[in-house]
Amino acid sequence: MWGSLLAFVVILGVGGGWYLIRRRKLLGLFQVTKDHGITIFLSRLQIVIGGAVDFNGQPRTFSGATVTANEASAAAAFGSIFEYLIPGLESQPGLLKTLFTRDINVTLAPSPRQIAEIPTDHTIVAVGSPGYNCVSLWIQQSLNPLITFDANNTSLQPHGQAPVIDPTQGMVQVLWDANNQRRVFYVGGISEAGTIAALMYLATNWRELRQNLGRRDTYAGLVRIQNGRSVLLSTIHAN
């Protein structure tokens, strides 16, 4: 009996230690803490009066700002990586053992209307092109990303390479905001498929992203969904 108990304690300790190391790496990559959260800024679509239709294709009178359903769903999946299992519930019956909580403030919001409204005191993720997201516009004007959208948002322009017009490809970038001493993440594609691929990569391949970033301040890569997984196609280098 004592041998089994000792084995259980050892397994619990090893598993708990592994989890804490993994979580420390995650929070370190995104530079978030309990007091320093993260905001995911989604593409902002402004619906004008008479321009909305419902799920049956019928015109409706809704007007105002909105976000796309699939983009918001993928962003929420990314935000969920900061959740963790409530301690002590692993051995409980039924649904209790699957209850998660979050000690990191994760906010999903449509793009601000103007650059002056972009927060400067925590980590941000910009999703989509400058055509729909002013945070993306600020990034392209101020942070020198290695991959940019062209002026018409019809292609991705990797540094030193041919334009990418494949709608299934997306970009994932880590940038350094020197003025505010923080990391900024920039993801998107010229279609919803590319943008979803980029968000999925952040959610499921953040360990690979962390490894590729290493000790550098910036990183840029092209990704695509293959066999249901978002995979890295290539890394874009400055020189």
Protein backbone atom coordinates (compact mmCIF):
# COMPACT_ATOMS: atom_id res chain seq x y z
CA MET A 1 0.00 0.00 0.00
CA TRP A 2 2.75 2.44 0.94
CA GLY A 3 4.52 1.68 -2.32
CA SER A 4 1.42 2.51 -4.33
CA LEU A 5 0.92 5.71 -2.34
CA LEU A 6 4.51 6.75 -2.91
CA ALA A 7 4.20 6.06 -6.63
CA PHE A 8 1.05 8.18 -6.76
CA VAL A 9 2.76 11.08 -5.00
CA VAL A 10 5.73 10.89 -7.36
CA ILE A 11 3.49 10.83 -10.44
CA LEU A 12 1.45 13.74 -9.06
CA GLY A 13 4.60 15.74 -8.35
CA VAL A 14 6.11 15.10 -11.78
CA GLY A 15 2.85 15.88 -13.54
CA GLY A 16 2.30 19.05 -11.52
CA GLY A 17 5.86 20.18 -12.15
CA TRP A 18 5.53 19.57 -15.89
CA TYR A 19 2.28 21.54 -15.96
CA LEU A 20 3.76 24.51 -14.09
CA ILE A 21 6.76 24.63 -16.44
CA ARG A 22 4.49 24.48 -19.48
CA ARG A 23 2.25 27.24 -18.16
CA ARG A 24 5.24 29.43 -17.28
CA LYS A 25 6.46 29.12 -20.87
CA LEU A 26 3.01 30.00 -22.22
CA LEU A 27 2.61 33.08 -20.06
CA GLY A 28 6.19 34.11 -20.78
CA LEU A 29 5.71 33.95 -24.55
CA PHE A 30 2.66 36.19 -24.43
CA GLN A 31 4.00 38.29 -21.54
CA VAL A 32 0.81 38.01 -19.51
CA THR A 33 0.24 37.85 -15.76
CA LYS A 34 -2.72 38.17 -13.43
CA ASP A 35 -2.23 41.95 -13.59
CA HIS A 36 -1.19 42.17 -17.24
CA GLY A 37 -3.76 40.64 -19.58
CA ILE A 38 -4.17 40.30 -23.33
CA THR A 39 -6.63 41.83 -25.81
CA ILE A 40 -7.44 40.18 -29.13
CA PHE A 41 -8.60 42.80 -31.61
CA LEU A 42 -10.79 41.33 -34.35
CA SER A 43 -11.67 42.72 -37.76
CA ARG A 44 -14.33 45.40 -37.43
CA LEU A 45 -17.13 45.27 -39.98
CA GLN A 46 -19.42 48.29 -40.07
CA ILE A 47 -22.90 47.34 -41.28
CA VAL A 48 -24.79 50.23 -42.82
CA ILE A 49 -28.58 50.59 -42.71
CA GLY A 50 -30.10 48.27 -45.28
CA GLY A 51 -26.88 46.29 -45.67
CA ALA A 52 -27.64 43.40 -43.31
CA VAL A 53 -29.34 40.09 -44.10
CA ASP A 54 -30.39 37.33 -41.72
CA PHE A 55 -29.62 33.59 -41.84
CA ASN A 56 -32.40 33.15 -44.43
CA GLY A 57 -31.00 35.84 -46.68
CA GLN A 58 -33.72 38.33 -45.84
CA PRO A 59 -32.78 42.03 -45.62
CA ARG A 60 -32.83 43.42 -42.07
CA THR A 61 -32.52 46.86 -40.53
CA PHE A 62 -29.53 46.14 -38.27
CA SER A 63 -26.69 48.63 -38.50
CA GLY A 64 -23.50 49.01 -36.48
CA ALA A 65 -20.18 47.33 -35.77
CA THR A 66 -19.85 43.56 -35.85
CA VAL A 67 -17.25 40.79 -36.19
CA THR A 68 -17.28 37.59 -38.24
CA ALA A 69 -18.51 34.45 -36.49
CA ASN A 70 -15.67 32.13 -37.53
CA GLU A 71 -12.97 34.67 -36.69
CA ALA A 72 -14.49 35.26 -33.27
CA SER A 73 -14.78 31.51 -32.65
CA ALA A 74 -11.13 30.90 -33.57
CA ALA A 75 -10.04 33.84 -31.39
CA ALA A 76 -12.03 32.43 -28.46
CA ALA A 77 -10.29 29.07 -28.96
CA PHE A 78 -6.95 30.86 -28.76
CA GLY A 79 -8.04 32.67 -25.61
CA SER A 80 -8.94 29.34 -24.00
CA ILE A 81 -5.29 28.24 -23.86
CA PHE A 82 -4.91 30.50 -20.82
CA GLU A 83 -7.46 28.45 -18.88
CA TYR A 84 -6.44 25.72 -16.45
CA LEU A 85 -8.14 22.87 -14.61
CA ILE A 86 -9.38 23.86 -11.16
CA PRO A 87 -7.03 22.17 -8.64
CA GLY A 88 -8.55 19.31 -6.66
CA LEU A 89 -11.33 18.47 -9.12
CA GLU A 90 -9.40 15.92 -11.19
CA SER A 91 -10.71 13.04 -9.07
CA GLN A 92 -14.30 14.28 -8.83
CA PRO A 93 -17.13 12.51 -10.66
CA GLY A 94 -18.91 13.66 -13.80
CA LEU A 95 -18.55 17.15 -15.17
CA LEU A 96 -16.82 18.47 -12.06
CA LYS A 97 -13.48 17.04 -13.19
CA THR A 98 -13.63 19.07 -16.43
CA LEU A 99 -14.20 22.50 -14.88
CA PHE A 100 -11.65 25.07 -15.96
CA THR A 101 -10.92 28.57 -14.72
CA ARG A 102 -8.82 31.47 -15.95
CA ASP A 103 -6.64 33.81 -13.92
CA ILE A 104 -5.55 35.82 -16.97
CA ASN A 105 -7.74 38.61 -18.30
CA VAL A 106 -8.42 37.74 -21.96
CA THR A 107 -10.54 40.25 -23.89
CA LEU A 108 -12.00 39.86 -27.38
CA ALA A 109 -12.98 43.13 -29.02
CA PRO A 110 -13.56 44.60 -32.47
CA SER A 111 -10.87 46.92 -33.77
CA PRO A 112 -10.89 50.39 -32.25
CA ARG A 113 -12.05 53.15 -34.56
CA GLN A 114 -8.74 54.98 -34.43
CA ILE A 115 -5.12 54.30 -33.57
CA ALA A 116 -5.24 56.62 -30.56
CA GLU A 117 -7.63 54.15 -28.87
CA ILE A 118 -5.17 51.24 -28.95
CA PRO A 119 -4.21 50.33 -25.35
CA THR A 120 -0.54 50.57 -24.44
CA ASP A 121 -0.37 48.81 -21.08
CA HIS A 122 -0.75 45.12 -22.01
CA THR A 123 -0.24 42.52 -24.74
CA ILE A 124 -2.33 42.79 -27.89
CA VAL A 125 -3.10 40.50 -30.80
CA ALA A 126 -4.20 42.08 -34.08
CA VAL A 127 -6.33 39.86 -36.30
CA GLY A 128 -6.85 40.59 -39.99
CA SER A 129 -5.83 43.25 -42.47
CA PRO A 130 -5.51 47.03 -42.11
CA GLY A 131 -8.67 47.27 -44.21
CA TYR A 132 -10.73 46.09 -41.23
CA ASN A 133 -8.44 46.55 -38.23
CA CYS A 134 -6.75 49.80 -37.31
CA VAL A 135 -4.42 47.90 -34.94
CA SER A 136 -3.10 46.12 -38.03
CA LEU A 137 -2.70 49.49 -39.72
CA TRP A 138 -0.72 50.81 -36.74
CA ILE A 139 1.49 47.71 -36.80
CA GLN A 140 2.30 48.11 -40.48
CA GLN A 141 3.03 51.81 -40.02
CA SER A 142 5.04 51.57 -36.80
CA LEU A 143 6.53 48.13 -36.08
CA ASN A 144 8.15 47.11 -39.40
CA PRO A 145 6.59 43.65 -39.80
CA LEU A 146 8.32 41.22 -42.16
CA ILE A 147 4.99 40.31 -43.75
CA THR A 148 2.47 42.98 -44.72
CA PHE A 149 -0.80 43.23 -46.59
CA ASP A 150 -0.62 45.08 -49.87
CA ALA A 151 -2.52 48.35 -50.28
CA ASN A 152 -5.63 46.57 -51.60
CA ASN A 153 -5.50 43.71 -49.06
CA THR A 154 -5.34 41.20 -51.94
CA SER A 155 -1.97 39.62 -51.11
CA LEU A 156 0.52 39.08 -48.33
CA GLN A 157 3.95 40.60 -48.97
CA PRO A 158 6.74 38.62 -47.24
CA HIS A 159 10.05 40.46 -46.99
CA GLY A 160 12.29 39.58 -49.94
CA GLN A 161 9.83 37.08 -51.44
CA ALA A 162 7.06 36.97 -54.02
CA PRO A 163 3.56 38.03 -52.94
CA VAL A 164 1.36 35.31 -51.45
CA ILE A 165 -2.07 35.15 -53.09
CA ASP A 166 -3.06 31.72 -51.80
CA PRO A 167 -6.24 32.38 -49.77
CA THR A 168 -5.56 29.39 -47.51
CA GLN A 169 -2.27 30.76 -46.22
CA GLY A 170 -1.99 33.04 -43.21
CA MET A 171 0.77 34.86 -41.41
CA VAL A 172 1.85 34.70 -37.77
CA GLN A 173 4.16 37.41 -36.46
CA VAL A 174 5.68 38.40 -33.14
CA LEU A 175 6.76 42.04 -33.03
CA TRP A 176 8.38 44.30 -30.47
CA ASP A 177 6.74 47.57 -29.47
CA ALA A 178 9.80 49.44 -28.14
CA ASN A 179 7.82 52.48 -27.06
CA ASN A 180 5.69 50.41 -24.69
CA GLN A 181 8.18 47.58 -24.01
CA ARG A 182 5.85 44.76 -24.99
CA ARG A 183 5.24 42.05 -27.56
CA VAL A 184 2.59 42.51 -30.21
CA PHE A 185 1.17 39.59 -32.17
CA TYR A 186 -0.06 40.04 -35.76
CA VAL A 187 -2.05 37.31 -37.52
CA GLY A 188 -4.19 37.21 -40.63
CA GLY A 189 -4.69 36.19 -44.23
CA ILE A 190 -6.31 37.55 -47.38
CA SER A 191 -9.33 35.32 -46.73
CA GLU A 192 -11.10 33.99 -43.69
CA ALA A 193 -9.39 30.61 -44.24
CA GLY A 194 -5.93 32.14 -43.93
CA THR A 195 -6.89 34.15 -40.86
CA ILE A 196 -8.37 31.09 -39.14
CA ALA A 197 -5.19 29.13 -39.93
CA ALA A 198 -3.10 31.84 -38.25
CA LEU A 199 -5.28 31.93 -35.13
CA MET A 200 -5.24 28.14 -34.93
CA TYR A 201 -1.46 28.18 -35.11
CA LEU A 202 -1.27 30.56 -32.15
CA ALA A 203 -3.60 28.32 -30.17
CA THR A 204 -2.10 24.93 -30.96
CA ASN A 205 1.51 25.59 -31.95
CA TRP A 206 2.59 28.26 -29.47
CA ARG A 207 5.41 25.98 -28.27
CA GLU A 208 6.86 25.84 -31.79
CA LEU A 209 6.41 29.60 -32.11
CA ARG A 210 8.25 30.12 -28.83
CA GLN A 211 11.08 27.89 -29.97
CA ASN A 212 11.39 29.65 -33.33
CA LEU A 213 11.33 33.07 -31.68
CA GLY A 214 14.12 32.10 -29.31
CA ARG A 215 15.91 35.14 -27.93
CA ARG A 216 14.95 37.38 -30.83
CA ASP A 217 12.47 40.24 -30.55
CA THR A 218 10.58 39.37 -33.75
CA TYR A 219 9.45 36.38 -35.77
CA ALA A 220 7.38 35.92 -38.93
CA GLY A 221 6.05 32.77 -40.56
CA LEU A 222 3.49 31.59 -43.10
CA VAL A 223 1.01 28.88 -42.08
CA ARG A 224 -1.81 26.84 -43.59
CA ILE A 225 -4.32 24.26 -42.40
CA GLN A 226 -3.41 20.75 -43.57
CA ASN A 227 -5.35 17.65 -42.51
CA GLY A 228 -7.21 19.69 -39.92
CA ARG A 229 -4.06 21.12 -38.32
CA SER A 230 -2.39 24.48 -38.76
CA VAL A 231 1.21 23.91 -39.87
CA LEU A 232 4.17 26.19 -40.45
CA LEU A 233 5.09 26.46 -44.15
CA SER A 234 8.07 28.78 -43.96
CA THR A 235 9.88 31.31 -41.81
CA ILE A 236 10.48 34.80 -43.21
CA HIS A 237 13.90 36.26 -42.49
CA ALA A 238 14.96 39.91 -42.45
CA ASN A 239 17.99 39.31 -44.69
